[in-house]
Amino acid sequence: MTRGEAMTTTRARITGTGSYAPPKVLTNKDLEKMVETTDEWITTRSGIKQRRITVNEKTSEVAAKAARRALKAAGVLPREIDLVIVGTVTPDNVFPSTACFVQSILGVKSGVPAFDVSAACSGFLYAMDIADKYIKAGISKRALVVGVDIFSRIIDWKDRSTCVLFGDGAGAVVLKPSSGKKGILSSHIYSDGRLWQMLYTTESIPPNPFETKGKSNPECHPYVRMKGNETFKAAVRNMEEACLKVMKLNRLKPKDIGLLIPHQANIRIMNAIKDRLKLSDEQVFSDIEKYGNTSAASIPLALDEAVREKRIKAGDVVLFVSFGGGLTWASAAVRW
């Protein structure tokens, strides 16, 4: 036995999940009254029947509600958390970070690192990847990772190509170090900034008074803009490659996957990934019909639902994959 084989492997293990979806429901029938569309058109092209909309709640407040549920599930008190990472592109403020607000709301002790990750729909897996490395390095013992977005505030509700797709919500997990086979087997994050114009928002920070170019348009709003067909193709290609890489690295075959929890962007994308990976319907989790695309909240919200529905049992390998603006994409394999 080599020295490496004799050493105990430390993994970051998910010990608690939590989620929060705002109570206001916006159905496809509701959207028919707002924009030129139909329930059939939306359902056929996206798989979405309704989504949740935030009313009078900040991103940090939505995030904190999901976080409290994850902490309770993990049996961890806020004062025991030593790392807070929030994946979001709809923060309360440019600064402080949403993570700092969450730290304050929950009562996480002073001195704990808290910061945001901006990777759009890949934000949660980016944040979990970072927390995984903190734990493996021995720096963190109890990490709180949240994915949260309120896209209803950056959607052009007159643009039927985007307003039908997105919803609001939050999901969270608590990670602890664990020895043995259970935990995050590996996680991988990617980006290609050359393709940013496929999916982005239209607003930026206004120029200072000394600049003569790029003055902010007073009529410009931070609306989501997306090249639908190009984004669809890039999402399927990159998500498939990310899944295959993590499966190959961990010597996983399709039959070894207990559950695939993909980013809930579009049912056609999810079905394409399922077919390319040769997975059965039972191996793929979807809640897109109820929530739509909740961006960084998508995967942790779906994970919490899968846990509560008992779709995951001890020893299962759960595969995560996401794709978002940046362009960004990510994958991870977890042994439950």
C-alpha atoms as a PDB file:
ATOM      1  CA  MET A   1       0.000   0.000   0.000  1.00  0.00           C
ATOM      2  CA  THR A   2       1.364   3.410  -0.970  1.00  0.00           C
ATOM      3  CA  ARG A   3       1.430   6.337   1.374  1.00  0.00           C
ATOM      4  CA  GLY A   4      -1.349   8.008  -0.638  1.00  0.00           C
ATOM      5  CA  GLU A   5      -3.560   4.933  -0.366  1.00  0.00           C
ATOM      6  CA  ALA A   6      -2.988   4.704   3.367  1.00  0.00           C
ATOM      7  CA  MET A   7      -4.053   8.285   3.990  1.00  0.00           C
ATOM      8  CA  THR A   8      -7.701   8.987   4.798  1.00  0.00           C
ATOM      9  CA  THR A   9      -9.481  10.987   2.103  1.00  0.00           C
ATOM     10  CA  THR A  10     -11.260  14.105   3.322  1.00  0.00           C
ATOM     11  CA  ARG A  11     -14.341  15.062   1.347  1.00  0.00           C
ATOM     12  CA  ALA A  12     -16.859  17.858   1.683  1.00  0.00           C
ATOM     13  CA  ARG A  13     -20.185  16.228   2.486  1.00  0.00           C
ATOM     14  CA  ILE A  14     -23.642  17.775   2.164  1.00  0.00           C
ATOM     15  CA  THR A  15     -25.221  17.339   5.592  1.00  0.00           C
ATOM     16  CA  GLY A  16     -28.275  19.557   5.198  1.00  0.00           C
ATOM     17  CA  THR A  17     -30.380  21.061   2.411  1.00  0.00           C
ATOM     18  CA  GLY A  18     -32.975  23.819   2.406  1.00  0.00           C
ATOM     19  CA  SER A  19     -34.948  25.893  -0.079  1.00  0.00           C
ATOM     20  CA  TYR A  20     -37.409  28.745  -0.280  1.00  0.00           C
ATOM     21  CA  ALA A  21     -39.830  29.719  -3.036  1.00  0.00           C
ATOM     22  CA  PRO A  22     -41.824  32.950  -2.668  1.00  0.00           C
ATOM     23  CA  PRO A  23     -45.564  32.409  -2.137  1.00  0.00           C
ATOM     24  CA  LYS A  24     -46.750  34.398  -5.168  1.00  0.00           C
ATOM     25  CA  VAL A  25     -47.441  32.081  -8.121  1.00  0.00           C
ATOM     26  CA  LEU A  26     -47.446  33.397 -11.692  1.00  0.00           C
ATOM     27  CA  THR A  27     -48.991  30.865 -14.063  1.00  0.00           C
ATOM     28  CA  ASN A  28     -48.797  30.619 -17.819  1.00  0.00           C
ATOM     29  CA  LYS A  29     -52.439  31.689 -17.908  1.00  0.00           C
ATOM     30  CA  ASP A  30     -51.452  34.840 -16.019  1.00  0.00           C
ATOM     31  CA  LEU A  31     -48.760  35.540 -18.595  1.00  0.00           C
ATOM     32  CA  GLU A  32     -51.300  35.233 -21.396  1.00  0.00           C
ATOM     33  CA  LYS A  33     -52.797  38.476 -20.038  1.00  0.00           C
ATOM     34  CA  MET A  34     -49.408  40.236 -19.960  1.00  0.00           C
ATOM     35  CA  VAL A  35     -47.702  39.281 -23.209  1.00  0.00           C
ATOM     36  CA  GLU A  36     -48.551  37.637 -26.522  1.00  0.00           C
ATOM     37  CA  THR A  37     -48.180  33.974 -25.616  1.00  0.00           C
ATOM     38  CA  THR A  38     -50.171  30.901 -24.647  1.00  0.00           C
ATOM     39  CA  ASP A  39     -49.922  28.215 -22.013  1.00  0.00           C
ATOM     40  CA  GLU A  40     -49.425  25.628 -24.754  1.00  0.00           C
ATOM     41  CA  TRP A  41     -46.605  27.615 -26.378  1.00  0.00           C
ATOM     42  CA  ILE A  42     -44.730  28.018 -23.076  1.00  0.00           C
ATOM     43  CA  THR A  43     -45.256  24.433 -21.927  1.00  0.00           C
ATOM     44  CA  THR A  44     -44.238  22.907 -25.250  1.00  0.00           C
ATOM     45  CA  ARG A  45     -41.038  24.926 -25.556  1.00  0.00           C
ATOM     46  CA  SER A  46     -39.908  25.003 -21.932  1.00  0.00           C
ATOM     47  CA  GLY A  47     -41.856  22.548 -19.785  1.00  0.00           C
ATOM     48  CA  ILE A  48     -42.811  25.392 -17.441  1.00  0.00           C
ATOM     49  CA  LYS A  49     -46.376  25.762 -16.135  1.00  0.00           C
ATOM     50  CA  GLN A  50     -45.783  28.363 -13.414  1.00  0.00           C
ATOM     51  CA  ARG A  51     -43.075  30.235 -11.549  1.00  0.00           C
ATOM     52  CA  ARG A  52     -42.702  32.030  -8.197  1.00  0.00           C
ATOM     53  CA  ILE A  53     -42.346  35.802  -7.944  1.00  0.00           C
ATOM     54  CA  THR A  54     -40.799  37.728  -5.057  1.00  0.00           C
ATOM     55  CA  VAL A  55     -42.849  40.535  -3.529  1.00  0.00           C
ATOM     56  CA  ASN A  56     -41.370  42.891  -0.921  1.00  0.00           C
ATOM     57  CA  GLU A  57     -38.409  40.612  -0.130  1.00  0.00           C
ATOM     58  CA  LYS A  58     -34.734  41.246  -0.709  1.00  0.00           C
ATOM     59  CA  THR A  59     -32.371  38.700  -2.210  1.00  0.00           C
ATOM     60  CA  SER A  60     -30.602  38.362   1.146  1.00  0.00           C
ATOM     61  CA  GLU A  61     -33.899  37.700   2.929  1.00  0.00           C
ATOM     62  CA  VAL A  62     -34.892  35.016   0.424  1.00  0.00           C
ATOM     63  CA  ALA A  63     -31.419  33.475   0.756  1.00  0.00           C
ATOM     64  CA  ALA A  64     -31.561  33.522   4.555  1.00  0.00           C
ATOM     65  CA  LYS A  65     -34.876  31.635   4.592  1.00  0.00           C
ATOM     66  CA  ALA A  66     -33.402  28.797   2.534  1.00  0.00           C
ATOM     67  CA  ALA A  67     -30.233  28.885   4.641  1.00  0.00           C
ATOM     68  CA  ARG A  68     -32.142  28.548   7.930  1.00  0.00           C
ATOM     69  CA  ARG A  69     -33.834  25.404   6.628  1.00  0.00           C
ATOM     70  CA  ALA A  70     -30.505  23.929   5.534  1.00  0.00           C
ATOM     71  CA  LEU A  71     -28.969  24.702   8.931  1.00  0.00           C
ATOM     72  CA  LYS A  72     -31.892  23.043  10.717  1.00  0.00           C
ATOM     73  CA  ALA A  73     -31.630  19.959   8.501  1.00  0.00           C
ATOM     74  CA  ALA A  74     -27.890  19.736   9.210  1.00  0.00           C
ATOM     75  CA  GLY A  75     -28.318  20.280  12.947  1.00  0.00           C
ATOM     76  CA  VAL A  76     -25.924  23.223  12.798  1.00  0.00           C
ATOM     77  CA  LEU A  77     -26.292  26.560  14.581  1.00  0.00           C
ATOM     78  CA  PRO A  78     -25.490  29.801  12.727  1.00  0.00           C
ATOM     79  CA  ARG A  79     -22.655  30.536  15.161  1.00  0.00           C
ATOM     80  CA  GLU A  80     -20.982  27.272  14.119  1.00  0.00           C
ATOM     81  CA  ILE A  81     -20.710  28.304  10.437  1.00  0.00           C
ATOM     82  CA  ASP A  82     -17.192  29.379   9.437  1.00  0.00           C
ATOM     83  CA  LEU A  83     -17.719  30.169   5.732  1.00  0.00           C
ATOM     84  CA  VAL A  84     -20.610  31.756   3.811  1.00  0.00           C
ATOM     85  CA  ILE A  85     -20.679  31.784   0.009  1.00  0.00           C
ATOM     86  CA  VAL A  86     -23.655  33.013  -2.011  1.00  0.00           C
ATOM     87  CA  GLY A  87     -24.064  32.471  -5.735  1.00  0.00           C
ATOM     88  CA  THR A  88     -26.184  35.275  -7.205  1.00  0.00           C
ATOM     89  CA  VAL A  89     -26.371  37.865  -9.991  1.00  0.00           C
ATOM     90  CA  THR A  90     -29.247  39.778  -8.392  1.00  0.00           C
ATOM     91  CA  PRO A  91     -27.696  41.071  -5.151  1.00  0.00           C
ATOM     92  CA  ASP A  92     -29.332  43.551  -2.794  1.00  0.00           C
ATOM     93  CA  ASN A  93     -26.570  46.064  -3.509  1.00  0.00           C
ATOM     94  CA  VAL A  94     -23.453  46.289  -5.663  1.00  0.00           C
ATOM     95  CA  PHE A  95     -21.780  46.062  -2.252  1.00  0.00           C
ATOM     96  CA  PRO A  96     -21.791  44.867   0.490  1.00  0.00           C
ATOM     97  CA  SER A  97     -22.122  41.338  -0.785  1.00  0.00           C
ATOM     98  CA  THR A  98     -25.357  39.429  -0.313  1.00  0.00           C
ATOM     99  CA  ALA A  99     -23.316  36.910   1.704  1.00  0.00           C
ATOM    100  CA  CYS A 100     -22.463  39.622   4.249  1.00  0.00           C
ATOM    101  CA  PHE A 101     -26.151  40.473   4.613  1.00  0.00           C
ATOM    102  CA  VAL A 102     -26.966  36.769   5.027  1.00  0.00           C
ATOM    103  CA  GLN A 103     -24.233  36.496   7.658  1.00  0.00           C
ATOM    104  CA  SER A 104     -25.822  39.381   9.562  1.00  0.00           C
ATOM    105  CA  ILE A 105     -29.414  38.129   9.231  1.00  0.00           C
ATOM    106  CA  LEU A 106     -28.555  34.627  10.439  1.00  0.00           C
ATOM    107  CA  GLY A 107     -26.251  35.715  13.230  1.00  0.00           C
ATOM    108  CA  VAL A 108     -23.137  34.036  11.863  1.00  0.00           C
ATOM    109  CA  LYS A 109     -20.231  35.176  14.032  1.00  0.00           C
ATOM    110  CA  SER A 110     -17.947  38.089  13.181  1.00  0.00           C
ATOM    111  CA  GLY A 111     -14.713  37.322  11.361  1.00  0.00           C
ATOM    112  CA  VAL A 112     -16.137  34.539   9.207  1.00  0.00           C
ATOM    113  CA  PRO A 113     -15.388  34.992   5.476  1.00  0.00           C
ATOM    114  CA  ALA A 114     -18.548  35.795   3.511  1.00  0.00           C
ATOM    115  CA  PHE A 115     -18.599  36.607  -0.186  1.00  0.00           C
ATOM    116  CA  ASP A 116     -20.643  36.327  -3.387  1.00  0.00           C
ATOM    117  CA  VAL A 117     -19.905  34.432  -6.585  1.00  0.00           C
ATOM    118  CA  SER A 118     -21.226  35.853  -9.860  1.00  0.00           C
ATOM    119  CA  ALA A 119     -21.603  33.029 -12.368  1.00  0.00           C
ATOM    120  CA  ALA A 120     -25.295  33.394 -13.282  1.00  0.00           C
ATOM    121  CA  CYS A 121     -27.071  30.013 -13.407  1.00  0.00           C
ATOM    122  CA  SER A 122     -23.812  28.224 -12.543  1.00  0.00           C
ATOM    123  CA  GLY A 123     -23.425  30.298  -9.377  1.00  0.00           C
ATOM    124  CA  PHE A 124     -24.346  27.564  -6.913  1.00  0.00           C
ATOM    125  CA  LEU A 125     -21.979  24.947  -8.359  1.00  0.00           C
ATOM    126  CA  TYR A 126     -19.208  27.572  -8.551  1.00  0.00           C
ATOM    127  CA  ALA A 127     -19.808  28.408  -4.877  1.00  0.00           C
ATOM    128  CA  MET A 128     -19.929  24.748  -3.861  1.00  0.00           C
ATOM    129  CA  ASP A 129     -16.684  24.092  -5.743  1.00  0.00           C
ATOM    130  CA  ILE A 130     -14.976  26.848  -3.750  1.00  0.00           C
ATOM    131  CA  ALA A 131     -16.378  25.608  -0.436  1.00  0.00           C
ATOM    132  CA  ASP A 132     -15.250  22.079  -1.303  1.00  0.00           C
ATOM    133  CA  LYS A 133     -11.681  23.301  -1.677  1.00  0.00           C
ATOM    134  CA  TYR A 134     -11.816  25.294   1.571  1.00  0.00           C
ATOM    135  CA  ILE A 135     -12.891  22.130   3.376  1.00  0.00           C
ATOM    136  CA  LYS A 136     -10.328  19.879   1.710  1.00  0.00           C
ATOM    137  CA  ALA A 137      -7.621  22.390   2.625  1.00  0.00           C
ATOM    138  CA  GLY A 138      -8.706  22.196   6.269  1.00  0.00           C
ATOM    139  CA  ILE A 139      -9.704  25.867   6.374  1.00  0.00           C
ATOM    140  CA  SER A 140     -13.455  25.358   6.816  1.00  0.00           C
ATOM    141  CA  LYS A 141     -15.316  22.883   9.012  1.00  0.00           C
ATOM    142  CA  ARG A 142     -18.898  24.031   8.430  1.00  0.00           C
ATOM    143  CA  ALA A 143     -19.639  25.911   5.219  1.00  0.00           C
ATOM    144  CA  LEU A 144     -22.938  27.441   4.173  1.00  0.00           C
ATOM    145  CA  VAL A 145     -23.472  27.647   0.402  1.00  0.00           C
ATOM    146  CA  VAL A 146     -26.509  29.412  -1.047  1.00  0.00           C
ATOM    147  CA  GLY A 147     -27.800  29.839  -4.582  1.00  0.00           C
ATOM    148  CA  VAL A 148     -30.340  32.639  -4.925  1.00  0.00           C
ATOM    149  CA  ASP A 149     -31.716  34.892  -7.632  1.00  0.00           C
ATOM    150  CA  ILE A 150     -34.654  37.236  -8.131  1.00  0.00           C
ATOM    151  CA  PHE A 151     -34.834  37.381 -11.901  1.00  0.00           C
ATOM    152  CA  SER A 152     -38.316  38.939 -11.870  1.00  0.00           C
ATOM    153  CA  ARG A 153     -36.540  42.259 -11.246  1.00  0.00           C
ATOM    154  CA  ILE A 154     -34.321  42.023 -14.324  1.00  0.00           C
ATOM    155  CA  ILE A 155     -36.832  40.582 -16.783  1.00  0.00           C
ATOM    156  CA  ASP A 156     -38.445  42.592 -19.548  1.00  0.00           C
ATOM    157  CA  TRP A 157     -42.039  41.523 -19.016  1.00  0.00           C
ATOM    158  CA  LYS A 158     -42.850  42.549 -22.589  1.00  0.00           C
ATOM    159  CA  ASP A 159     -40.294  40.135 -24.043  1.00  0.00           C
ATOM    160  CA  ARG A 160     -42.003  36.767 -24.365  1.00  0.00           C
ATOM    161  CA  SER A 161     -38.755  35.009 -25.287  1.00  0.00           C
ATOM    162  CA  THR A 162     -37.401  35.546 -21.764  1.00  0.00           C
ATOM    163  CA  CYS A 163     -40.220  36.502 -19.381  1.00  0.00           C
ATOM    164  CA  VAL A 164     -41.843  33.075 -19.647  1.00  0.00           C
ATOM    165  CA  LEU A 165     -38.683  31.246 -18.566  1.00  0.00           C
ATOM    166  CA  PHE A 166     -37.532  32.682 -15.253  1.00  0.00           C
ATOM    167  CA  GLY A 167     -38.689  32.620 -11.646  1.00  0.00           C
ATOM    168  CA  ASP A 168     -37.402  33.500  -8.187  1.00  0.00           C
ATOM    169  CA  GLY A 169     -36.131  31.345  -5.348  1.00  0.00           C
ATOM    170  CA  ALA A 170     -33.257  30.152  -3.200  1.00  0.00           C
ATOM    171  CA  GLY A 171     -31.602  26.912  -2.182  1.00  0.00           C
ATOM    172  CA  ALA A 172     -28.862  26.164   0.317  1.00  0.00           C
ATOM    173  CA  VAL A 173     -26.625  23.401   1.615  1.00  0.00           C
ATOM    174  CA  VAL A 174     -24.382  22.926   4.627  1.00  0.00           C
ATOM    175  CA  LEU A 175     -21.051  21.213   3.963  1.00  0.00           C
ATOM    176  CA  LYS A 176     -18.848  19.488   6.526  1.00  0.00           C
ATOM    177  CA  PRO A 177     -15.613  17.502   6.203  1.00  0.00           C
ATOM    178  CA  SER A 178     -16.045  13.751   6.111  1.00  0.00           C
ATOM    179  CA  SER A 179     -13.632  10.852   5.828  1.00  0.00           C
ATOM    180  CA  GLY A 180     -14.483   7.934   3.621  1.00  0.00           C
ATOM    181  CA  LYS A 181     -16.386   7.485   0.390  1.00  0.00           C
ATOM    182  CA  LYS A 182     -19.297   9.858   0.952  1.00  0.00           C
ATOM    183  CA  GLY A 183     -19.191  13.475  -0.140  1.00  0.00           C
ATOM    184  CA  ILE A 184     -18.182  15.466  -3.193  1.00  0.00           C
ATOM    185  CA  LEU A 185     -16.212  13.115  -5.449  1.00  0.00           C
ATOM    186  CA  SER A 186     -15.121  15.939  -7.724  1.00  0.00           C
ATOM    187  CA  SER A 187     -16.388  19.287  -8.991  1.00  0.00           C
ATOM    188  CA  HIS A 188     -15.466  21.238 -12.109  1.00  0.00           C
ATOM    189  CA  ILE A 189     -16.117  24.819 -13.204  1.00  0.00           C
ATOM    190  CA  TYR A 190     -15.670  26.391 -16.646  1.00  0.00           C
ATOM    191  CA  SER A 191     -16.206  29.649 -18.537  1.00  0.00           C
ATOM    192  CA  ASP A 192     -15.838  31.252 -21.968  1.00  0.00           C
ATOM    193  CA  GLY A 193     -16.081  35.036 -21.775  1.00  0.00           C
ATOM    194  CA  ARG A 194     -15.822  35.354 -25.539  1.00  0.00           C
ATOM    195  CA  LEU A 195     -19.445  34.240 -25.786  1.00  0.00           C
ATOM    196  CA  TRP A 196     -20.931  36.625 -23.220  1.00  0.00           C
ATOM    197  CA  GLN A 197     -23.403  38.141 -25.696  1.00  0.00           C
ATOM    198  CA  MET A 198     -25.398  34.903 -25.827  1.00  0.00           C
ATOM    199  CA  LEU A 199     -26.844  35.624 -22.371  1.00  0.00           C
ATOM    200  CA  TYR A 200     -26.424  38.857 -20.418  1.00  0.00           C
ATOM    201  CA  THR A 201     -28.131  41.879 -18.875  1.00  0.00           C
ATOM    202  CA  THR A 202     -28.192  45.265 -20.567  1.00  0.00           C
ATOM    203  CA  GLU A 203     -27.165  47.599 -17.751  1.00  0.00           C
ATOM    204  CA  SER A 204     -23.734  48.365 -16.317  1.00  0.00           C
ATOM    205  CA  ILE A 205     -22.307  50.721 -13.703  1.00  0.00           C
ATOM    206  CA  PRO A 206     -22.603  54.341 -14.943  1.00  0.00           C
ATOM    207  CA  PRO A 207     -19.353  56.072 -16.018  1.00  0.00           C
ATOM    208  CA  ASN A 208     -17.683  58.649 -13.805  1.00  0.00           C
ATOM    209  CA  PRO A 209     -17.938  62.354 -14.771  1.00  0.00           C
ATOM    210  CA  PHE A 210     -14.420  62.357 -16.247  1.00  0.00           C
ATOM    211  CA  GLU A 211     -15.269  59.824 -18.958  1.00  0.00           C
ATOM    212  CA  THR A 212     -16.591  60.862 -22.342  1.00  0.00           C
ATOM    213  CA  LYS A 213     -17.584  57.451 -23.708  1.00  0.00           C
ATOM    214  CA  GLY A 214     -20.104  54.872 -22.661  1.00  0.00           C
ATOM    215  CA  LYS A 215     -22.501  57.222 -20.884  1.00  0.00           C
ATOM    216  CA  SER A 216     -25.377  55.393 -19.270  1.00  0.00           C
ATOM    217  CA  ASN A 217     -28.677  55.445 -21.156  1.00  0.00           C
ATOM    218  CA  PRO A 218     -31.327  56.741 -18.740  1.00  0.00           C
ATOM    219  CA  GLU A 219     -33.884  54.493 -20.468  1.00  0.00           C
ATOM    220  CA  CYS A 220     -31.704  51.411 -20.138  1.00  0.00           C
ATOM    221  CA  HIS A 221     -32.832  48.782 -17.652  1.00  0.00           C
ATOM    222  CA  PRO A 222     -30.916  45.696 -16.483  1.00  0.00           C
ATOM    223  CA  TYR A 223     -32.991  43.347 -18.618  1.00  0.00           C
ATOM    224  CA  VAL A 224     -31.969  39.819 -19.504  1.00  0.00           C
ATOM    225  CA  ARG A 225     -31.094  39.364 -23.172  1.00  0.00           C
ATOM    226  CA  MET A 226     -30.625  35.928 -24.696  1.00  0.00           C
ATOM    227  CA  LYS A 227     -29.889  34.425 -28.099  1.00  0.00           C
ATOM    228  CA  GLY A 228     -32.174  31.469 -27.615  1.00  0.00           C
ATOM    229  CA  ASN A 229     -31.087  29.031 -30.319  1.00  0.00           C
ATOM    230  CA  GLU A 230     -27.364  29.644 -29.833  1.00  0.00           C
ATOM    231  CA  THR A 231     -27.675  29.384 -26.053  1.00  0.00           C
ATOM    232  CA  PHE A 232     -29.622  26.132 -26.367  1.00  0.00           C
ATOM    233  CA  LYS A 233     -26.937  24.514 -28.508  1.00  0.00           C
ATOM    234  CA  ALA A 234     -24.077  25.735 -26.306  1.00  0.00           C
ATOM    235  CA  ALA A 235     -25.876  24.575 -23.159  1.00  0.00           C
ATOM    236  CA  VAL A 236     -26.449  21.044 -24.444  1.00  0.00           C
ATOM    237  CA  ARG A 237     -22.904  20.684 -25.781  1.00  0.00           C
ATOM    238  CA  ASN A 238     -21.106  22.034 -22.711  1.00  0.00           C
ATOM    239  CA  MET A 239     -23.337  20.357 -20.138  1.00  0.00           C
ATOM    240  CA  GLU A 240     -22.886  16.999 -21.865  1.00  0.00           C
ATOM    241  CA  GLU A 241     -19.102  17.402 -21.970  1.00  0.00           C
ATOM    242  CA  ALA A 242     -19.012  18.478 -18.310  1.00  0.00           C
ATOM    243  CA  CYS A 243     -21.034  15.433 -17.263  1.00  0.00           C
ATOM    244  CA  LEU A 244     -18.911  13.048 -19.291  1.00  0.00           C
ATOM    245  CA  LYS A 245     -15.719  14.484 -17.798  1.00  0.00           C
ATOM    246  CA  VAL A 246     -16.841  14.062 -14.203  1.00  0.00           C
ATOM    247  CA  MET A 247     -18.152  10.568 -14.966  1.00  0.00           C
ATOM    248  CA  LYS A 248     -14.910   9.513 -16.635  1.00  0.00           C
ATOM    249  CA  LEU A 249     -12.773  10.950 -13.841  1.00  0.00           C
ATOM    250  CA  ASN A 250     -14.760   9.042 -11.218  1.00  0.00           C
ATOM    251  CA  ARG A 251     -15.169   5.901 -13.359  1.00  0.00           C
ATOM    252  CA  LEU A 252     -18.933   6.229 -13.405  1.00  0.00           C
ATOM    253  CA  LYS A 253     -21.169   4.591 -15.968  1.00  0.00           C
ATOM    254  CA  PRO A 254     -24.777   5.627 -16.692  1.00  0.00           C
ATOM    255  CA  LYS A 255     -26.089   2.816 -14.461  1.00  0.00           C
ATOM    256  CA  ASP A 256     -24.033   4.212 -11.545  1.00  0.00           C
ATOM    257  CA  ILE A 257     -25.900   7.535 -11.524  1.00  0.00           C
ATOM    258  CA  GLY A 258     -28.588   7.461  -8.858  1.00  0.00           C
ATOM    259  CA  LEU A 259     -29.946  10.851  -9.842  1.00  0.00           C
ATOM    260  CA  LEU A 260     -29.014  13.632 -12.263  1.00  0.00           C
ATOM    261  CA  ILE A 261     -30.055  17.081 -11.052  1.00  0.00           C
ATOM    262  CA  PRO A 262     -29.438  19.416 -13.977  1.00  0.00           C
ATOM    263  CA  HIS A 263     -29.942  23.160 -14.065  1.00  0.00           C
ATOM    264  CA  GLN A 264     -33.683  23.606 -14.568  1.00  0.00           C
ATOM    265  CA  ALA A 265     -33.447  25.872 -17.613  1.00  0.00           C
ATOM    266  CA  ASN A 266     -35.570  24.181 -20.231  1.00  0.00           C
ATOM    267  CA  ILE A 267     -37.118  20.714 -20.393  1.00  0.00           C
ATOM    268  CA  ARG A 268     -35.777  20.222 -23.923  1.00  0.00           C
ATOM    269  CA  ILE A 269     -32.215  20.861 -22.747  1.00  0.00           C
ATOM    270  CA  MET A 270     -32.694  18.492 -19.835  1.00  0.00           C
ATOM    271  CA  ASN A 271     -34.107  15.769 -22.083  1.00  0.00           C
ATOM    272  CA  ALA A 272     -31.241  16.206 -24.531  1.00  0.00           C
ATOM    273  CA  ILE A 273     -28.707  15.723 -21.718  1.00  0.00           C
ATOM    274  CA  LYS A 274     -30.601  12.686 -20.428  1.00  0.00           C
ATOM    275  CA  ASP A 275     -30.601  11.070 -23.871  1.00  0.00           C
ATOM    276  CA  ARG A 276     -26.938  11.812 -24.569  1.00  0.00           C
ATOM    277  CA  LEU A 277     -25.896  10.338 -21.229  1.00  0.00           C
ATOM    278  CA  LYS A 278     -28.167   7.329 -21.816  1.00  0.00           C
ATOM    279  CA  LEU A 279     -30.093   7.854 -18.581  1.00  0.00           C
ATOM    280  CA  SER A 280     -33.660   6.808 -17.854  1.00  0.00           C
ATOM    281  CA  ASP A 281     -36.449   9.213 -16.925  1.00  0.00           C
ATOM    282  CA  GLU A 282     -36.253   7.913 -13.346  1.00  0.00           C
ATOM    283  CA  GLN A 283     -32.601   8.971 -13.133  1.00  0.00           C
ATOM    284  CA  VAL A 284     -33.351  12.651 -13.818  1.00  0.00           C
ATOM    285  CA  PHE A 285     -34.978  15.072 -11.383  1.00  0.00           C
ATOM    286  CA  SER A 286     -37.102  17.949 -12.636  1.00  0.00           C
ATOM    287  CA  ASP A 287     -39.217  20.585 -10.902  1.00  0.00           C
ATOM    288  CA  ILE A 288     -39.136  23.074 -13.773  1.00  0.00           C
ATOM    289  CA  GLU A 289     -42.899  22.802 -14.219  1.00  0.00           C
ATOM    290  CA  LYS A 290     -43.426  24.454 -10.811  1.00  0.00           C
ATOM    291  CA  TYR A 291     -40.579  26.968 -10.593  1.00  0.00           C
ATOM    292  CA  GLY A 292     -39.162  27.704 -14.041  1.00  0.00           C
ATOM    293  CA  ASN A 293     -35.532  28.745 -14.325  1.00  0.00           C
ATOM    294  CA  THR A 294     -34.475  30.157 -10.950  1.00  0.00           C
ATOM    295  CA  SER A 295     -30.863  30.719 -12.069  1.00  0.00           C
ATOM    296  CA  ALA A 296     -28.381  30.075  -9.229  1.00  0.00           C
ATOM    297  CA  ALA A 297     -31.204  28.739  -7.046  1.00  0.00           C
ATOM    298  CA  SER A 298     -32.168  26.109  -9.596  1.00  0.00           C
ATOM    299  CA  ILE A 299     -29.960  23.193  -8.531  1.00  0.00           C
ATOM    300  CA  PRO A 300     -30.062  23.600  -4.718  1.00  0.00           C
ATOM    301  CA  LEU A 301     -33.827  24.130  -4.814  1.00  0.00           C
ATOM    302  CA  ALA A 302     -34.250  20.965  -6.886  1.00  0.00           C
ATOM    303  CA  LEU A 303     -31.830  19.095  -4.613  1.00  0.00           C
ATOM    304  CA  ASP A 304     -33.836  19.996  -1.526  1.00  0.00           C
ATOM    305  CA  GLU A 305     -37.048  18.853  -3.218  1.00  0.00           C
ATOM    306  CA  ALA A 306     -35.388  15.572  -4.243  1.00  0.00           C
ATOM    307  CA  VAL A 307     -34.250  15.012  -0.650  1.00  0.00           C
ATOM    308  CA  ARG A 308     -37.705  15.720   0.764  1.00  0.00           C
ATOM    309  CA  GLU A 309     -39.314  13.453  -1.837  1.00  0.00           C
ATOM    310  CA  LYS A 310     -36.847  10.708  -0.842  1.00  0.00           C
ATOM    311  CA  ARG A 311     -35.499  10.449  -4.375  1.00  0.00           C
ATOM    312  CA  ILE A 312     -31.970  10.109  -2.963  1.00  0.00           C
ATOM    313  CA  LYS A 313     -30.837   7.326  -0.652  1.00  0.00           C
ATOM    314  CA  ALA A 314     -27.574   6.712   1.191  1.00  0.00           C
ATOM    315  CA  GLY A 315     -24.800   5.638  -1.140  1.00  0.00           C
ATOM    316  CA  ASP A 316     -26.404   7.093  -4.284  1.00  0.00           C
ATOM    317  CA  VAL A 317     -24.233   9.071  -6.695  1.00  0.00           C
ATOM    318  CA  VAL A 318     -25.879  12.394  -7.515  1.00  0.00           C
ATOM    319  CA  LEU A 319     -24.677  14.214 -10.623  1.00  0.00           C
ATOM    320  CA  PHE A 320     -25.091  17.995 -10.942  1.00  0.00           C
ATOM    321  CA  VAL A 321     -24.607  20.080 -14.076  1.00  0.00           C
ATOM    322  CA  SER A 322     -25.345  23.718 -14.900  1.00  0.00           C
ATOM    323  CA  PHE A 323     -24.966  26.334 -17.618  1.00  0.00           C
ATOM    324  CA  GLY A 324     -25.327  30.115 -17.454  1.00  0.00           C
ATOM    325  CA  GLY A 325     -24.316  33.561 -18.615  1.00  0.00           C
ATOM    326  CA  GLY A 326     -20.635  34.293 -18.840  1.00  0.00           C
ATOM    327  CA  LEU A 327     -20.710  31.875 -20.472  1.00  0.00           C
ATOM    328  CA  THR A 328     -20.246  29.577 -17.494  1.00  0.00           C
ATOM    329  CA  TRP A 329     -20.896  25.906 -16.870  1.00  0.00           C
ATOM    330  CA  ALA A 330     -20.100  23.426 -14.128  1.00  0.00           C
ATOM    331  CA  SER A 331     -20.522  19.839 -12.968  1.00  0.00           C
ATOM    332  CA  ALA A 332     -20.103  17.856  -9.783  1.00  0.00           C
ATOM    333  CA  ALA A 333     -20.554  14.284  -8.571  1.00  0.00           C
ATOM    334  CA  VAL A 334     -21.575  13.596  -4.968  1.00  0.00           C
ATOM    335  CA  ARG A 335     -21.850  10.274  -3.168  1.00  0.00           C
ATOM    336  CA  TRP A 336     -24.765  10.669  -0.736  1.00  0.00           C
END
